[in-house]
Amino acid sequence: MVNGEEGKKAPVLSFQTFGNFECFIDGQPVKFKYNKTKEMLAYLVDRKGAMCTNGELMSILWSEDSEKKKSYLKNLKADLTKTMAGAGLEGVLVKFRGAIGIAPDKVNCDYYDLLNGKESMMGSYWGEYMSQYGWSELTHAYLENYYDMKRKESKG
């Protein structure tokens, strides 16, 4: 990929979801102003491009008194937008009034690669998915079933 400047490569945004979640731009870990920004981004990655409403994000990020966190959520979304824009990755986020999502076709992600049938990813999944976030357990259970099914198919 080449961006508007002659010969300059566009930055690459990558997500590691197996084990602990991590976000990288050109191989370097991304630093956000707020810790919760990273968790919000992890949730957007987990949703695979589905738009997430402000209400959904607040209930995921703060299970109690989430309604009182509207201004904090606004700060997190601004932090995420500013970080992506600062790296030249404006097109990675999809935003509508009251909702945000990620453009899965504009990122590299181990989880997406596995679901898209990339065989080399079968060896990358070791039974952990976004381990630091409790809300990831549903996807983790799905991945366990998916992995078992694929392993049985390959023996089969």
Protein backbone atom coordinates (compact mmCIF):
# COMPACT_ATOMS: atom_id res chain seq x y z
CA MET A 1 0.00 0.00 0.00
CA VAL A 2 1.25 3.47 -0.85
CA ASN A 3 -0.38 6.61 0.44
CA GLY A 4 -0.58 10.03 -1.21
CA GLU A 5 3.10 10.87 -0.82
CA GLU A 6 5.28 9.59 -3.63
CA GLY A 7 6.86 6.27 -2.71
CA LYS A 8 6.02 6.45 1.00
CA LYS A 9 4.42 3.28 2.33
CA ALA A 10 1.17 3.56 4.24
CA PRO A 11 1.42 2.53 7.89
CA VAL A 12 0.29 -0.99 8.81
CA LEU A 13 -2.09 -1.46 11.74
CA SER A 14 -1.95 -4.95 13.26
CA PHE A 15 -3.80 -6.60 16.10
CA GLN A 16 -2.68 -9.55 18.20
CA THR A 17 -5.72 -11.12 19.82
CA PHE A 18 -4.36 -14.56 20.72
CA GLY A 19 -3.08 -14.35 24.28
CA ASN A 20 -3.30 -10.76 25.47
CA PHE A 21 -4.62 -8.10 23.10
CA GLU A 22 -2.04 -5.78 21.59
CA CYS A 23 -2.18 -3.15 18.87
CA PHE A 24 0.81 -2.32 16.65
CA ILE A 25 1.55 0.33 14.05
CA ASP A 26 4.40 -0.76 11.80
CA GLY A 27 5.39 -3.35 14.38
CA GLN A 28 5.55 -0.91 17.32
CA PRO A 29 3.08 -1.11 20.23
CA VAL A 30 0.57 1.73 20.23
CA LYS A 31 0.34 3.99 23.26
CA PHE A 32 -2.97 5.62 24.08
CA LYS A 33 -3.69 8.47 26.48
CA TYR A 34 -6.19 6.32 28.39
CA ASN A 35 -5.91 2.59 29.24
CA LYS A 36 -9.60 2.13 28.46
CA THR A 37 -9.01 3.29 24.87
CA LYS A 38 -7.09 0.09 24.21
CA GLU A 39 -9.89 -2.00 25.71
CA MET A 40 -12.46 -0.17 23.58
CA LEU A 41 -10.36 -0.84 20.47
CA ALA A 42 -10.05 -4.51 21.47
CA TYR A 43 -13.85 -4.73 21.68
CA LEU A 44 -14.21 -3.13 18.24
CA VAL A 45 -11.77 -5.69 16.83
CA ASP A 46 -13.72 -8.49 18.54
CA ARG A 47 -16.91 -7.29 16.83
CA LYS A 48 -15.28 -7.77 13.38
CA GLY A 49 -16.53 -4.56 11.79
CA ALA A 50 -19.98 -4.43 13.38
CA MET A 51 -20.94 -0.95 14.45
CA CYS A 52 -21.00 -0.55 18.24
CA THR A 53 -23.29 1.99 19.83
CA ASN A 54 -22.23 4.29 22.64
CA GLY A 55 -24.59 2.43 24.98
CA GLU A 56 -23.07 -0.94 24.08
CA LEU A 57 -19.54 0.37 24.63
CA MET A 58 -20.43 1.91 27.97
CA SER A 59 -21.99 -1.31 29.24
CA ILE A 60 -18.95 -3.34 28.10
CA LEU A 61 -16.34 -0.96 29.47
CA TRP A 62 -18.12 -0.10 32.73
CA SER A 63 -20.63 -2.65 33.91
CA GLU A 64 -21.84 -0.44 36.78
CA ASP A 65 -22.99 3.16 36.48
CA SER A 66 -22.15 3.16 32.78
CA GLU A 67 -24.63 5.96 32.13
CA LYS A 68 -22.40 8.32 34.13
CA LYS A 69 -19.47 7.63 31.78
CA LYS A 70 -20.72 9.42 28.64
CA SER A 71 -18.07 12.13 28.76
CA TYR A 72 -15.32 9.60 29.48
CA LEU A 73 -16.44 7.54 26.46
CA LYS A 74 -16.29 10.69 24.35
CA ASN A 75 -12.68 11.18 25.52
CA LEU A 76 -11.82 7.56 24.66
CA LYS A 77 -13.26 7.90 21.18
CA ALA A 78 -11.35 11.15 20.67
CA ASP A 79 -8.14 9.49 21.91
CA LEU A 80 -8.61 6.59 19.49
CA THR A 81 -9.42 8.88 16.57
CA LYS A 82 -6.47 11.18 17.30
CA THR A 83 -4.04 8.26 17.65
CA MET A 84 -5.14 6.68 14.36
CA ALA A 85 -5.14 10.00 12.52
CA GLY A 86 -1.71 10.86 13.91
CA ALA A 87 -0.38 7.64 12.38
CA GLY A 88 -2.06 8.25 9.02
CA LEU A 89 -4.72 5.59 9.64
CA GLU A 90 -7.90 7.67 9.37
CA GLY A 91 -9.74 5.08 7.25
CA VAL A 92 -9.46 2.32 9.85
CA LEU A 93 -12.34 3.66 11.96
CA VAL A 94 -15.91 3.78 10.73
CA LYS A 95 -18.01 6.34 12.57
CA PHE A 96 -21.65 7.29 12.55
CA ARG A 97 -23.55 9.40 15.02
CA GLY A 98 -23.56 7.43 18.27
CA ALA A 99 -21.68 4.42 16.87
CA ILE A 100 -18.17 3.35 15.91
CA GLY A 101 -16.61 0.32 14.28
CA ILE A 102 -13.40 -0.87 12.68
CA ALA A 103 -12.81 -1.55 8.98
CA PRO A 104 -11.56 -5.17 9.09
CA ASP A 105 -10.26 -5.03 5.52
CA LYS A 106 -7.82 -2.24 6.47
CA VAL A 107 -6.00 -4.05 9.29
CA ASN A 108 -3.97 -7.18 9.93
CA CYS A 109 -5.36 -9.41 12.66
CA ASP A 110 -4.58 -12.98 13.75
CA TYR A 111 -8.25 -13.58 14.67
CA TYR A 112 -9.51 -12.42 11.27
CA ASP A 113 -6.86 -14.49 9.48
CA LEU A 114 -7.91 -17.62 11.38
CA LEU A 115 -11.59 -17.08 10.58
CA ASN A 116 -10.74 -16.46 6.92
CA GLY A 117 -9.10 -19.88 6.71
CA LYS A 118 -5.46 -18.88 6.69
CA GLU A 119 -3.93 -22.27 7.52
CA SER A 120 -0.79 -20.87 9.15
CA MET A 121 -2.95 -19.30 11.86
CA MET A 122 -4.06 -22.67 13.23
CA GLY A 123 -0.66 -23.02 14.90
CA SER A 124 -0.84 -19.50 16.33
CA TYR A 125 -3.91 -20.09 18.46
CA TRP A 126 -2.91 -21.71 21.78
CA GLY A 127 -6.22 -21.53 23.61
CA GLU A 128 -6.10 -17.90 24.73
CA TYR A 129 -7.96 -14.93 23.28
CA MET A 130 -7.75 -11.36 24.62
CA SER A 131 -7.07 -12.86 28.03
CA GLN A 132 -7.10 -9.57 29.92
CA TYR A 133 -10.78 -8.83 29.12
CA GLY A 134 -13.66 -10.74 30.73
CA TRP A 135 -16.09 -9.82 27.94
CA SER A 136 -13.94 -11.82 25.47
CA GLU A 137 -15.07 -15.17 26.92
CA LEU A 138 -17.88 -15.66 24.36
CA THR A 139 -15.49 -15.30 21.44
CA HIS A 140 -12.94 -17.45 23.26
CA ALA A 141 -15.52 -20.25 23.60
CA TYR A 142 -16.38 -19.90 19.90
CA LEU A 143 -12.68 -20.12 18.97
CA GLU A 144 -12.22 -23.24 21.09
CA ASN A 145 -15.09 -24.95 19.22
CA TYR A 146 -13.85 -23.67 15.85
CA TYR A 147 -10.31 -24.86 16.56
CA ASP A 148 -11.53 -28.32 17.68
CA MET A 149 -13.67 -28.63 14.56
CA LYS A 150 -10.80 -27.65 12.24
CA ARG A 151 -8.41 -30.02 14.01
CA LYS A 152 -10.88 -32.91 13.58
CA GLU A 153 -11.33 -32.02 9.89
CA SER A 154 -7.59 -32.10 9.31
CA LYS A 155 -7.30 -35.55 10.90
CA GLY A 156 -10.15 -36.77 9.01
